[in-house]
N, C-alpha and C. Protein backbone atom coordinates (compact mmCIF):
# COMPACT_ATOMS: atom_id res chain seq x y z
N UNK A 1 2.81 21.88 18.27
CA UNK A 1 2.23 21.20 17.12
C UNK A 1 1.68 19.85 17.58
N UNK A 2 0.45 19.53 17.20
CA UNK A 2 -0.15 18.24 17.60
C UNK A 2 0.65 17.06 17.02
N UNK A 3 0.67 15.96 17.77
CA UNK A 3 1.41 14.78 17.34
C UNK A 3 0.75 14.13 16.12
N UNK A 4 1.59 13.69 15.22
CA UNK A 4 1.10 13.10 13.97
C UNK A 4 1.14 11.57 13.98
N UNK A 5 1.95 11.00 14.88
CA UNK A 5 2.15 9.55 14.81
C UNK A 5 0.88 8.72 14.93
N UNK A 6 -0.05 9.04 15.84
CA UNK A 6 -1.27 8.21 15.89
C UNK A 6 -2.01 8.18 14.56
N UNK A 7 -2.08 9.31 13.87
CA UNK A 7 -2.77 9.36 12.58
C UNK A 7 -2.01 8.56 11.53
N UNK A 8 -0.68 8.67 11.55
CA UNK A 8 0.15 7.89 10.62
C UNK A 8 -0.03 6.40 10.88
N UNK A 9 -0.03 6.00 12.16
CA UNK A 9 -0.18 4.58 12.52
C UNK A 9 -1.55 4.05 12.09
N UNK A 10 -2.60 4.83 12.28
CA UNK A 10 -3.94 4.40 11.87
C UNK A 10 -4.00 4.26 10.35
N UNK A 11 -3.46 5.23 9.63
CA UNK A 11 -3.43 5.15 8.16
C UNK A 11 -2.63 3.95 7.68
N UNK A 12 -1.49 3.70 8.34
CA UNK A 12 -0.65 2.55 7.97
C UNK A 12 -1.38 1.24 8.22
N UNK A 13 -2.11 1.18 9.34
CA UNK A 13 -2.86 -0.05 9.65
C UNK A 13 -3.96 -0.29 8.61
N UNK A 14 -4.64 0.78 8.21
CA UNK A 14 -5.68 0.64 7.17
C UNK A 14 -5.06 0.12 5.88
N UNK A 15 -3.94 0.73 5.48
CA UNK A 15 -3.24 0.30 4.26
C UNK A 15 -2.83 -1.17 4.37
N UNK A 16 -2.20 -1.54 5.48
CA UNK A 16 -1.70 -2.91 5.62
C UNK A 16 -2.82 -3.94 5.64
N UNK A 17 -3.87 -3.68 6.40
CA UNK A 17 -4.98 -4.63 6.48
C UNK A 17 -5.67 -4.78 5.13
N UNK A 18 -5.98 -3.65 4.48
CA UNK A 18 -6.61 -3.73 3.16
C UNK A 18 -5.72 -4.46 2.16
N UNK A 19 -4.45 -4.14 2.19
CA UNK A 19 -3.50 -4.75 1.26
C UNK A 19 -3.42 -6.26 1.45
N UNK A 20 -3.32 -6.70 2.70
CA UNK A 20 -3.22 -8.14 2.97
C UNK A 20 -4.53 -8.85 2.61
N UNK A 21 -5.66 -8.24 2.95
CA UNK A 21 -6.95 -8.85 2.59
C UNK A 21 -7.10 -8.96 1.07
N UNK A 22 -6.74 -7.92 0.35
CA UNK A 22 -6.85 -7.95 -1.10
C UNK A 22 -5.84 -8.93 -1.72
N UNK A 23 -4.68 -9.05 -1.10
CA UNK A 23 -3.71 -10.05 -1.55
C UNK A 23 -4.28 -11.45 -1.37
N UNK A 24 -4.90 -11.70 -0.23
CA UNK A 24 -5.51 -13.01 0.02
C UNK A 24 -6.58 -13.31 -1.03
N UNK A 25 -7.44 -12.34 -1.31
CA UNK A 25 -8.50 -12.53 -2.31
C UNK A 25 -7.90 -12.80 -3.68
N UNK A 26 -6.90 -12.01 -4.05
CA UNK A 26 -6.32 -12.19 -5.38
C UNK A 26 -5.58 -13.51 -5.51
N UNK A 27 -4.98 -14.00 -4.42
CA UNK A 27 -4.23 -15.25 -4.50
C UNK A 27 -5.11 -16.49 -4.42
N UNK A 28 -6.35 -16.34 -3.99
CA UNK A 28 -7.22 -17.50 -3.90
C UNK A 28 -8.15 -17.60 -5.11
N UNK A 29 -8.11 -16.62 -5.98
CA UNK A 29 -8.95 -16.64 -7.18
C UNK A 29 -8.14 -16.98 -8.42
N UNK A 30 -8.76 -16.82 -9.54
CA UNK A 30 -8.11 -17.11 -10.81
C UNK A 30 -7.34 -15.90 -11.34
N UNK A 31 -7.07 -15.93 -12.62
CA UNK A 31 -6.28 -14.86 -13.26
C UNK A 31 -6.97 -13.52 -13.13
N UNK A 32 -8.30 -13.48 -13.31
CA UNK A 32 -9.03 -12.21 -13.22
C UNK A 32 -8.98 -11.67 -11.79
N UNK A 33 -9.15 -12.55 -10.80
CA UNK A 33 -9.07 -12.10 -9.39
C UNK A 33 -7.68 -11.57 -9.08
N UNK A 34 -6.66 -12.20 -9.65
CA UNK A 34 -5.30 -11.75 -9.43
C UNK A 34 -5.08 -10.37 -10.05
N UNK A 35 -5.61 -10.15 -11.22
CA UNK A 35 -5.47 -8.86 -11.89
C UNK A 35 -6.24 -7.77 -11.16
N UNK A 36 -7.50 -8.03 -10.84
CA UNK A 36 -8.32 -7.04 -10.14
C UNK A 36 -7.76 -6.79 -8.74
N UNK A 37 -7.34 -7.84 -8.06
CA UNK A 37 -6.76 -7.69 -6.72
C UNK A 37 -5.50 -6.85 -6.74
N UNK A 38 -4.67 -7.03 -7.76
CA UNK A 38 -3.46 -6.23 -7.88
C UNK A 38 -3.77 -4.76 -8.05
N UNK A 39 -4.79 -4.47 -8.83
CA UNK A 39 -5.21 -3.07 -9.00
C UNK A 39 -5.82 -2.52 -7.72
N UNK A 40 -6.60 -3.34 -7.03
CA UNK A 40 -7.26 -2.90 -5.80
C UNK A 40 -6.24 -2.62 -4.69
N UNK A 41 -5.12 -3.33 -4.71
CA UNK A 41 -4.08 -3.07 -3.72
C UNK A 41 -3.55 -1.65 -3.88
N UNK A 42 -3.53 -1.14 -5.10
CA UNK A 42 -3.13 0.25 -5.33
C UNK A 42 -4.11 1.19 -4.63
N UNK A 43 -5.39 0.83 -4.63
CA UNK A 43 -6.38 1.65 -3.93
C UNK A 43 -6.13 1.64 -2.42
N UNK A 44 -5.65 0.53 -1.90
CA UNK A 44 -5.30 0.45 -0.47
C UNK A 44 -4.15 1.40 -0.17
N UNK A 45 -3.20 1.51 -1.12
CA UNK A 45 -2.07 2.42 -0.94
C UNK A 45 -2.53 3.87 -0.93
N UNK A 46 -3.67 4.16 -1.54
CA UNK A 46 -4.25 5.51 -1.49
C UNK A 46 -5.12 5.69 -0.25
N UNK A 47 -5.85 4.66 0.12
CA UNK A 47 -6.80 4.76 1.23
C UNK A 47 -6.12 5.01 2.57
N UNK A 48 -5.04 4.30 2.85
CA UNK A 48 -4.35 4.46 4.13
C UNK A 48 -3.87 5.89 4.37
N UNK A 49 -3.15 6.49 3.43
CA UNK A 49 -2.72 7.88 3.62
C UNK A 49 -3.88 8.86 3.71
N UNK A 50 -4.94 8.62 2.94
CA UNK A 50 -6.11 9.50 3.05
C UNK A 50 -6.73 9.41 4.45
N UNK A 51 -6.79 8.21 5.00
CA UNK A 51 -7.32 8.02 6.36
C UNK A 51 -6.42 8.75 7.37
N UNK A 52 -5.10 8.69 7.16
CA UNK A 52 -4.18 9.38 8.07
C UNK A 52 -4.45 10.89 8.10
N UNK A 53 -4.61 11.49 6.92
CA UNK A 53 -4.87 12.93 6.86
C UNK A 53 -6.25 13.23 7.43
N UNK A 54 -7.23 12.43 7.09
CA UNK A 54 -8.58 12.63 7.63
C UNK A 54 -8.55 12.57 9.16
N UNK A 55 -7.89 11.55 9.70
CA UNK A 55 -7.84 11.39 11.16
C UNK A 55 -7.16 12.59 11.81
N UNK A 56 -6.06 13.03 11.26
CA UNK A 56 -5.31 14.15 11.84
C UNK A 56 -6.14 15.44 11.80
N UNK A 57 -6.71 15.74 10.64
CA UNK A 57 -7.49 16.98 10.53
C UNK A 57 -8.76 16.93 11.37
N UNK A 58 -9.36 15.77 11.50
CA UNK A 58 -10.57 15.63 12.30
C UNK A 58 -10.28 15.66 13.80
N UNK A 59 -9.22 14.98 14.20
CA UNK A 59 -8.87 14.92 15.61
C UNK A 59 -8.54 16.31 16.17
N UNK A 60 -7.80 17.09 15.40
CA UNK A 60 -7.35 18.39 15.89
C UNK A 60 -8.14 19.56 15.28
N UNK A 61 -9.17 19.26 14.49
CA UNK A 61 -10.00 20.29 13.83
C UNK A 61 -9.13 21.32 13.12
N UNK A 62 -8.23 20.81 12.29
CA UNK A 62 -7.28 21.65 11.57
C UNK A 62 -7.43 21.51 10.06
N UNK A 63 -7.07 22.56 9.37
CA UNK A 63 -6.82 22.47 7.94
C UNK A 63 -5.31 22.47 7.80
N UNK A 64 -4.77 21.51 7.09
CA UNK A 64 -3.32 21.43 6.94
C UNK A 64 -2.92 21.79 5.52
N UNK A 65 -1.72 22.37 5.35
CA UNK A 65 -1.24 22.64 4.00
C UNK A 65 -0.90 21.33 3.28
N UNK A 66 -0.80 21.42 1.97
CA UNK A 66 -0.54 20.23 1.16
C UNK A 66 0.75 19.53 1.58
N UNK A 67 1.77 20.29 1.96
CA UNK A 67 3.04 19.68 2.36
C UNK A 67 2.90 18.84 3.62
N UNK A 68 2.11 19.32 4.56
CA UNK A 68 1.87 18.55 5.79
C UNK A 68 1.07 17.29 5.46
N UNK A 69 0.07 17.43 4.59
CA UNK A 69 -0.70 16.26 4.16
C UNK A 69 0.19 15.25 3.46
N UNK A 70 1.10 15.76 2.62
CA UNK A 70 2.02 14.86 1.92
C UNK A 70 2.93 14.13 2.90
N UNK A 71 3.37 14.83 3.95
CA UNK A 71 4.21 14.18 4.96
C UNK A 71 3.47 13.11 5.73
N UNK A 72 2.23 13.43 6.11
CA UNK A 72 1.40 12.42 6.80
C UNK A 72 1.18 11.21 5.89
N UNK A 73 0.84 11.48 4.64
CA UNK A 73 0.57 10.40 3.69
C UNK A 73 1.81 9.55 3.42
N UNK A 74 2.96 10.22 3.26
CA UNK A 74 4.21 9.47 3.01
C UNK A 74 4.55 8.59 4.20
N UNK A 75 4.36 9.12 5.41
CA UNK A 75 4.63 8.31 6.60
C UNK A 75 3.71 7.11 6.70
N UNK A 76 2.42 7.34 6.45
CA UNK A 76 1.44 6.25 6.50
C UNK A 76 1.73 5.22 5.40
N UNK A 77 2.08 5.70 4.21
CA UNK A 77 2.37 4.79 3.10
C UNK A 77 3.62 3.95 3.35
N UNK A 78 4.68 4.59 3.86
CA UNK A 78 5.92 3.86 4.12
C UNK A 78 5.74 2.84 5.25
N UNK A 79 5.12 3.28 6.35
CA UNK A 79 4.88 2.36 7.46
C UNK A 79 3.90 1.25 7.04
N UNK A 80 2.90 1.61 6.26
CA UNK A 80 1.95 0.62 5.76
C UNK A 80 2.64 -0.41 4.88
N UNK A 81 3.62 0.02 4.08
CA UNK A 81 4.38 -0.91 3.24
C UNK A 81 5.16 -1.91 4.07
N UNK A 82 5.76 -1.43 5.16
CA UNK A 82 6.50 -2.34 6.07
C UNK A 82 5.54 -3.32 6.72
N UNK A 83 4.45 -2.79 7.30
CA UNK A 83 3.48 -3.66 7.98
C UNK A 83 2.88 -4.69 7.02
N UNK A 84 2.54 -4.25 5.84
CA UNK A 84 1.96 -5.15 4.84
C UNK A 84 2.95 -6.25 4.46
N UNK A 85 4.20 -5.85 4.25
CA UNK A 85 5.23 -6.84 3.90
C UNK A 85 5.45 -7.86 5.00
N UNK A 86 5.51 -7.39 6.23
CA UNK A 86 5.73 -8.30 7.36
C UNK A 86 4.52 -9.22 7.55
N UNK A 87 3.31 -8.66 7.49
CA UNK A 87 2.11 -9.49 7.61
C UNK A 87 2.05 -10.55 6.51
N UNK A 88 2.40 -10.16 5.31
CA UNK A 88 2.40 -11.11 4.19
C UNK A 88 3.39 -12.24 4.45
N UNK A 89 4.59 -11.90 4.93
CA UNK A 89 5.59 -12.94 5.23
C UNK A 89 5.11 -13.88 6.32
N UNK A 90 4.45 -13.33 7.34
CA UNK A 90 3.92 -14.17 8.42
C UNK A 90 2.85 -15.11 7.88
N UNK A 91 1.94 -14.57 7.06
CA UNK A 91 0.87 -15.41 6.49
C UNK A 91 1.42 -16.46 5.53
N UNK A 92 2.52 -16.15 4.86
CA UNK A 92 3.16 -17.15 4.01
C UNK A 92 3.82 -18.23 4.87
N UNK A 93 4.41 -17.82 5.97
CA UNK A 93 5.09 -18.78 6.86
C UNK A 93 4.12 -19.78 7.48
N UNK A 94 2.88 -19.34 7.73
CA UNK A 94 1.89 -20.25 8.31
C UNK A 94 0.95 -20.83 7.24
N UNK A 95 1.35 -20.69 5.99
CA UNK A 95 0.66 -21.27 4.83
C UNK A 95 -0.76 -20.76 4.61
N UNK A 96 -1.05 -19.52 5.00
CA UNK A 96 -2.33 -18.93 4.65
C UNK A 96 -2.26 -18.20 3.31
N UNK A 97 -1.06 -17.85 2.92
CA UNK A 97 -0.82 -17.28 1.59
C UNK A 97 0.25 -18.13 0.91
N UNK A 98 0.17 -18.25 -0.41
CA UNK A 98 1.21 -19.03 -1.11
C UNK A 98 2.56 -18.33 -1.02
N UNK A 99 3.63 -19.14 -1.02
CA UNK A 99 4.98 -18.59 -0.98
C UNK A 99 5.26 -17.87 -2.30
N UNK A 100 6.35 -17.15 -2.33
CA UNK A 100 6.74 -16.43 -3.55
C UNK A 100 6.93 -17.41 -4.71
N UNK A 101 7.54 -18.54 -4.44
CA UNK A 101 7.78 -19.54 -5.49
C UNK A 101 6.46 -20.09 -6.03
N UNK A 102 5.51 -20.35 -5.12
CA UNK A 102 4.19 -20.85 -5.53
C UNK A 102 3.45 -19.80 -6.36
N UNK A 103 3.57 -18.53 -5.96
CA UNK A 103 2.92 -17.47 -6.72
C UNK A 103 3.49 -17.36 -8.12
N UNK A 104 4.80 -17.46 -8.23
CA UNK A 104 5.45 -17.37 -9.54
C UNK A 104 5.02 -18.54 -10.42
N UNK A 105 5.02 -19.75 -9.87
CA UNK A 105 4.61 -20.92 -10.65
C UNK A 105 3.15 -20.80 -11.10
N UNK A 106 2.30 -20.32 -10.22
CA UNK A 106 0.88 -20.15 -10.54
C UNK A 106 0.69 -19.09 -11.63
N UNK A 107 1.40 -17.99 -11.50
CA UNK A 107 1.31 -16.92 -12.50
C UNK A 107 1.81 -17.41 -13.85
N UNK A 108 2.91 -18.16 -13.86
CA UNK A 108 3.45 -18.69 -15.12
C UNK A 108 2.42 -19.62 -15.77
N UNK A 109 1.82 -20.48 -14.97
CA UNK A 109 0.82 -21.40 -15.48
C UNK A 109 -0.37 -20.66 -16.08
N UNK A 110 -0.86 -19.63 -15.38
CA UNK A 110 -2.00 -18.86 -15.89
C UNK A 110 -1.65 -18.10 -17.17
N UNK A 111 -0.44 -17.56 -17.22
CA UNK A 111 -0.03 -16.83 -18.43
C UNK A 111 0.04 -17.77 -19.65
N UNK A 112 0.53 -18.98 -19.41
CA UNK A 112 0.58 -19.96 -20.50
C UNK A 112 -0.81 -20.40 -20.91
N UNK A 113 -1.74 -20.57 -19.94
CA UNK A 113 -3.11 -20.95 -20.24
C UNK A 113 -3.83 -19.87 -21.05
N UNK A 114 -3.43 -18.62 -20.84
CA UNK A 114 -4.02 -17.51 -21.57
C UNK A 114 -3.45 -17.39 -22.99
N UNK A 115 -2.53 -18.28 -23.35
CA UNK A 115 -1.99 -18.29 -24.70
C UNK A 115 -0.70 -17.52 -24.86
N UNK A 116 -0.03 -17.24 -23.76
CA UNK A 116 1.23 -16.50 -23.83
C UNK A 116 2.34 -17.34 -24.46
N UNK A 117 3.22 -16.66 -25.17
CA UNK A 117 4.39 -17.30 -25.77
C UNK A 117 5.32 -17.76 -24.64
N UNK A 118 5.68 -19.04 -24.60
CA UNK A 118 6.49 -19.55 -23.47
C UNK A 118 7.79 -18.76 -23.24
N UNK A 119 8.46 -18.33 -24.31
CA UNK A 119 9.71 -17.58 -24.14
C UNK A 119 9.44 -16.22 -23.49
N UNK A 120 8.36 -15.55 -23.92
CA UNK A 120 8.02 -14.25 -23.34
C UNK A 120 7.55 -14.41 -21.90
N UNK A 121 6.78 -15.46 -21.65
CA UNK A 121 6.30 -15.71 -20.29
C UNK A 121 7.50 -15.94 -19.37
N UNK A 122 8.46 -16.75 -19.82
CA UNK A 122 9.64 -17.01 -18.99
C UNK A 122 10.44 -15.73 -18.74
N UNK A 123 10.49 -14.85 -19.73
CA UNK A 123 11.19 -13.58 -19.57
C UNK A 123 10.47 -12.70 -18.52
N UNK A 124 9.15 -12.67 -18.58
CA UNK A 124 8.39 -11.89 -17.60
C UNK A 124 8.53 -12.48 -16.20
N UNK A 125 8.51 -13.80 -16.12
CA UNK A 125 8.66 -14.47 -14.83
C UNK A 125 10.04 -14.19 -14.25
N UNK A 126 11.05 -14.16 -15.08
CA UNK A 126 12.41 -13.85 -14.63
C UNK A 126 12.48 -12.46 -14.02
N UNK A 127 11.80 -11.49 -14.64
CA UNK A 127 11.76 -10.13 -14.11
C UNK A 127 11.03 -10.11 -12.77
N UNK A 128 9.92 -10.84 -12.67
CA UNK A 128 9.15 -10.89 -11.43
C UNK A 128 9.96 -11.53 -10.30
N UNK A 129 10.77 -12.50 -10.62
CA UNK A 129 11.54 -13.23 -9.60
C UNK A 129 12.49 -12.30 -8.86
N UNK A 130 12.97 -11.26 -9.53
CA UNK A 130 13.87 -10.32 -8.87
C UNK A 130 13.20 -9.61 -7.71
N UNK A 131 11.90 -9.35 -7.82
CA UNK A 131 11.17 -8.65 -6.77
C UNK A 131 10.62 -9.60 -5.72
N UNK A 132 10.18 -10.78 -6.14
CA UNK A 132 9.51 -11.68 -5.20
C UNK A 132 10.45 -12.70 -4.57
N UNK A 133 11.64 -12.87 -5.12
CA UNK A 133 12.56 -13.87 -4.60
C UNK A 133 13.21 -13.46 -3.29
N UNK A 134 13.34 -12.16 -3.04
CA UNK A 134 13.99 -11.67 -1.83
C UNK A 134 13.00 -10.81 -1.05
N UNK A 135 12.56 -11.26 0.12
CA UNK A 135 11.56 -10.51 0.88
C UNK A 135 12.01 -9.09 1.24
N UNK A 136 13.30 -8.90 1.50
CA UNK A 136 13.79 -7.57 1.86
C UNK A 136 13.62 -6.60 0.70
N UNK A 137 13.88 -7.07 -0.52
CA UNK A 137 13.70 -6.22 -1.70
C UNK A 137 12.22 -5.85 -1.84
N UNK A 138 11.35 -6.81 -1.63
CA UNK A 138 9.91 -6.55 -1.72
C UNK A 138 9.45 -5.52 -0.71
N UNK A 139 9.97 -5.59 0.51
CA UNK A 139 9.57 -4.63 1.54
C UNK A 139 10.13 -3.24 1.22
N UNK A 140 11.37 -3.17 0.74
CA UNK A 140 11.96 -1.88 0.37
C UNK A 140 11.16 -1.24 -0.77
N UNK A 141 10.80 -2.04 -1.75
CA UNK A 141 9.99 -1.52 -2.86
C UNK A 141 8.63 -1.04 -2.34
N UNK A 142 8.02 -1.80 -1.42
CA UNK A 142 6.73 -1.40 -0.85
C UNK A 142 6.85 -0.10 -0.07
N UNK A 143 7.95 0.09 0.64
CA UNK A 143 8.16 1.32 1.40
C UNK A 143 8.31 2.51 0.46
N UNK A 144 9.12 2.36 -0.58
CA UNK A 144 9.35 3.47 -1.52
C UNK A 144 8.05 3.81 -2.26
N UNK A 145 7.38 2.80 -2.80
CA UNK A 145 6.13 3.05 -3.52
C UNK A 145 5.08 3.60 -2.56
N UNK A 146 5.00 3.02 -1.35
CA UNK A 146 4.04 3.50 -0.36
C UNK A 146 4.28 4.96 0.00
N UNK A 147 5.54 5.35 0.15
CA UNK A 147 5.85 6.74 0.49
C UNK A 147 5.49 7.69 -0.64
N UNK A 148 5.80 7.31 -1.87
CA UNK A 148 5.51 8.18 -3.02
C UNK A 148 4.00 8.31 -3.24
N UNK A 149 3.32 7.18 -3.29
CA UNK A 149 1.86 7.20 -3.48
C UNK A 149 1.19 7.86 -2.27
N UNK A 150 1.71 7.59 -1.08
CA UNK A 150 1.16 8.19 0.13
C UNK A 150 1.31 9.71 0.15
N UNK A 151 2.43 10.21 -0.32
CA UNK A 151 2.63 11.66 -0.37
C UNK A 151 1.62 12.31 -1.31
N UNK A 152 1.39 11.68 -2.43
CA UNK A 152 0.40 12.22 -3.39
C UNK A 152 -0.99 12.18 -2.77
N UNK A 153 -1.36 11.03 -2.19
CA UNK A 153 -2.68 10.91 -1.57
C UNK A 153 -2.82 11.86 -0.39
N UNK A 154 -1.76 12.04 0.38
CA UNK A 154 -1.81 12.95 1.53
C UNK A 154 -2.00 14.40 1.11
N UNK A 155 -1.33 14.81 0.04
CA UNK A 155 -1.51 16.17 -0.46
C UNK A 155 -2.94 16.38 -0.95
N UNK A 156 -3.48 15.39 -1.61
CA UNK A 156 -4.88 15.46 -2.05
C UNK A 156 -5.80 15.51 -0.83
N UNK A 157 -5.52 14.66 0.15
CA UNK A 157 -6.33 14.63 1.37
C UNK A 157 -6.32 15.95 2.11
N UNK A 158 -5.20 16.66 2.08
CA UNK A 158 -5.11 17.96 2.76
C UNK A 158 -6.11 18.94 2.17
N UNK A 159 -6.32 18.88 0.85
CA UNK A 159 -7.29 19.80 0.26
C UNK A 159 -8.72 19.28 0.35
N UNK A 160 -8.90 17.98 0.49
CA UNK A 160 -10.24 17.42 0.60
C UNK A 160 -10.78 17.58 2.03
N UNK A 161 -9.93 17.40 3.03
CA UNK A 161 -10.39 17.39 4.42
C UNK A 161 -10.14 18.72 5.12
N UNK A 162 -10.47 19.81 4.48
CA UNK A 162 -10.31 21.14 5.08
C UNK A 162 -11.33 21.32 6.19
N UNK A 163 -10.92 21.99 7.24
CA UNK A 163 -11.79 22.26 8.39
C UNK A 163 -11.99 23.76 8.52
N UNK A 164 -13.14 24.14 9.02
CA UNK A 164 -13.38 25.54 9.32
C UNK A 164 -12.58 25.88 10.56
N UNK A 165 -12.11 27.10 10.60
CA UNK A 165 -11.39 27.54 11.80
C UNK A 165 -9.90 27.56 11.59
N UNK A 166 -9.17 27.07 12.57
CA UNK A 166 -7.72 27.20 12.59
C UNK A 166 -7.05 26.41 11.48
N UNK A 167 -6.01 27.04 10.95
CA UNK A 167 -5.14 26.36 10.00
C UNK A 167 -3.85 26.01 10.73
N UNK A 168 -3.23 24.93 10.34
CA UNK A 168 -2.02 24.51 11.01
C UNK A 168 -0.91 25.54 10.85
N UNK A 169 -0.90 26.27 9.73
CA UNK A 169 0.16 27.24 9.51
C UNK A 169 -0.16 28.60 10.12
N UNK A 170 -1.31 28.73 10.84
CA UNK A 170 -1.63 29.96 11.56
C UNK A 170 -0.75 30.07 12.79
N UNK A 171 -0.29 31.28 13.15
CA UNK A 171 0.55 31.42 14.34
C UNK A 171 -0.18 31.04 15.63
N UNK A 172 -1.52 31.12 15.63
CA UNK A 172 -2.29 30.82 16.84
C UNK A 172 -2.33 29.34 17.16
N UNK A 173 -1.97 28.49 16.21
CA UNK A 173 -2.07 27.04 16.42
C UNK A 173 -0.78 26.50 16.98
């Protein structure tokens, strides 16, 4: 069976780079940039696993079953979540991205400027603090979400990137 790791690593790199770039864009803009950037990061979580499946099927000229695509996608999504989390922490450490505390303060300020009820805003900020206050929790959440979204994207990619000729589940392969 052909090795899958290079395809998973490429997909993870695509996910991580897109995610960090979109995070940078969303954190340097206003409330609308933050909202659109947050949604676009979800697209990065789909793009990386799709690239992993595309690379694997193209490199080996194979059609893979949905389960294999899901595995490739889950691997790319989970690894991409780790890489993205680590890159984000490094960029925060060198002050290219705002720290978690700065992000929370900025989000609270924008929510209040938009006319949010201070008590409700504080309640939402309290919920956000649980995820952003501890980097390890953020990375674990990114890995789990990356794996789940990646598996879905990978299964879709398996049916999108079909190749003529050999199938991975054929005995000849």
